[in-house]
């Protein structure tokens, strides 16, 4: 059972959760960093990593 979504210090918790879900969507390798200041989410940063592979199988 989950707690009901509510406003936290004037912030719409449902909207914040939607933004976090959007940052996680289709992320295969990387990180999502959530910055909180004075009990409010002020920034959501998505860092994605791509690994390029040599199609010939040779390493340089």
C-alpha atoms as a PDB file:
ATOM      1  CA  UNK A   1       0.000   0.000   0.000  1.00  0.00           C
ATOM      2  CA  UNK A   2       1.429   3.396  -0.922  1.00  0.00           C
ATOM      3  CA  UNK A   3       0.882   6.731   0.766  1.00  0.00           C
ATOM      4  CA  UNK A   4      -1.388   9.201  -1.013  1.00  0.00           C
ATOM      5  CA  UNK A   5       0.347  11.844  -3.103  1.00  0.00           C
ATOM      6  CA  UNK A   6       0.263  15.236  -1.459  1.00  0.00           C
ATOM      7  CA  UNK A   7       1.657  18.726  -1.690  1.00  0.00           C
ATOM      8  CA  UNK A   8       4.977  19.104   0.167  1.00  0.00           C
ATOM      9  CA  UNK A   9       5.888  22.662   1.122  1.00  0.00           C
ATOM     10  CA  UNK A  10       3.862  23.991  -1.793  1.00  0.00           C
ATOM     11  CA  UNK A  11       5.276  21.441  -4.270  1.00  0.00           C
ATOM     12  CA  UNK A  12       2.987  19.085  -6.162  1.00  0.00           C
ATOM     13  CA  UNK A  13       4.465  15.700  -5.292  1.00  0.00           C
ATOM     14  CA  UNK A  14       2.701  13.987  -8.205  1.00  0.00           C
ATOM     15  CA  UNK A  15       4.315  16.424 -10.669  1.00  0.00           C
ATOM     16  CA  UNK A  16       7.751  15.861  -9.126  1.00  0.00           C
ATOM     17  CA  UNK A  17       7.303  12.083  -9.380  1.00  0.00           C
ATOM     18  CA  UNK A  18       6.231  12.405 -13.038  1.00  0.00           C
ATOM     19  CA  UNK A  19       9.422  14.361 -13.792  1.00  0.00           C
ATOM     20  CA  UNK A  20      11.554  11.712 -12.069  1.00  0.00           C
ATOM     21  CA  UNK A  21       9.787   8.963 -14.022  1.00  0.00           C
ATOM     22  CA  UNK A  22      10.381  10.884 -17.266  1.00  0.00           C
ATOM     23  CA  UNK A  23      14.099  11.173 -16.432  1.00  0.00           C
ATOM     24  CA  UNK A  24      14.270   7.401 -15.829  1.00  0.00           C
ATOM     25  CA  UNK A  25      12.290   6.468 -18.935  1.00  0.00           C
ATOM     26  CA  UNK A  26      14.406   4.622 -21.525  1.00  0.00           C
ATOM     27  CA  UNK A  27      17.588   5.121 -19.457  1.00  0.00           C
ATOM     28  CA  UNK A  28      19.734   2.012 -19.989  1.00  0.00           C
ATOM     29  CA  UNK A  29      23.065   3.146 -18.488  1.00  0.00           C
ATOM     30  CA  UNK A  30      23.573   6.272 -16.440  1.00  0.00           C
ATOM     31  CA  UNK A  31      22.225   8.096 -13.414  1.00  0.00           C
ATOM     32  CA  UNK A  32      19.441  10.387 -12.309  1.00  0.00           C
ATOM     33  CA  UNK A  33      20.440  12.923  -9.666  1.00  0.00           C
ATOM     34  CA  UNK A  34      17.788  14.693  -7.607  1.00  0.00           C
ATOM     35  CA  UNK A  35      18.833  17.890  -5.831  1.00  0.00           C
ATOM     36  CA  UNK A  36      16.829  18.942  -2.779  1.00  0.00           C
ATOM     37  CA  UNK A  37      17.104  22.359  -1.114  1.00  0.00           C
ATOM     38  CA  UNK A  38      15.011  23.407   1.892  1.00  0.00           C
ATOM     39  CA  UNK A  39      12.886  20.237   1.607  1.00  0.00           C
ATOM     40  CA  UNK A  40      12.018  20.929  -2.058  1.00  0.00           C
ATOM     41  CA  UNK A  41      13.203  19.230  -5.223  1.00  0.00           C
ATOM     42  CA  UNK A  42      14.963  21.996  -7.126  1.00  0.00           C
ATOM     43  CA  UNK A  43      16.722  20.048  -9.870  1.00  0.00           C
ATOM     44  CA  UNK A  44      16.554  16.692 -11.634  1.00  0.00           C
ATOM     45  CA  UNK A  45      19.619  15.850 -13.703  1.00  0.00           C
ATOM     46  CA  UNK A  46      19.882  12.922 -16.111  1.00  0.00           C
ATOM     47  CA  UNK A  47      23.292  11.599 -17.107  1.00  0.00           C
ATOM     48  CA  UNK A  48      23.294   8.981 -19.815  1.00  0.00           C
ATOM     49  CA  UNK A  49      26.261   6.910 -20.943  1.00  0.00           C
ATOM     50  CA  UNK A  50      26.709   5.459 -24.383  1.00  0.00           C
ATOM     51  CA  UNK A  51      29.319   2.838 -25.085  1.00  0.00           C
ATOM     52  CA  UNK A  52      30.508   2.714 -28.668  1.00  0.00           C
ATOM     53  CA  UNK A  53      31.601  -0.671 -29.912  1.00  0.00           C
ATOM     54  CA  UNK A  54      33.900  -1.285 -32.813  1.00  0.00           C
ATOM     55  CA  UNK A  55      31.932  -3.229 -35.428  1.00  0.00           C
ATOM     56  CA  UNK A  56      35.062  -5.074 -36.656  1.00  0.00           C
ATOM     57  CA  UNK A  57      35.799  -6.483 -33.196  1.00  0.00           C
ATOM     58  CA  UNK A  58      39.338  -5.021 -33.162  1.00  0.00           C
ATOM     59  CA  UNK A  59      40.457  -2.784 -30.323  1.00  0.00           C
ATOM     60  CA  UNK A  60      42.673   0.246 -30.959  1.00  0.00           C
END
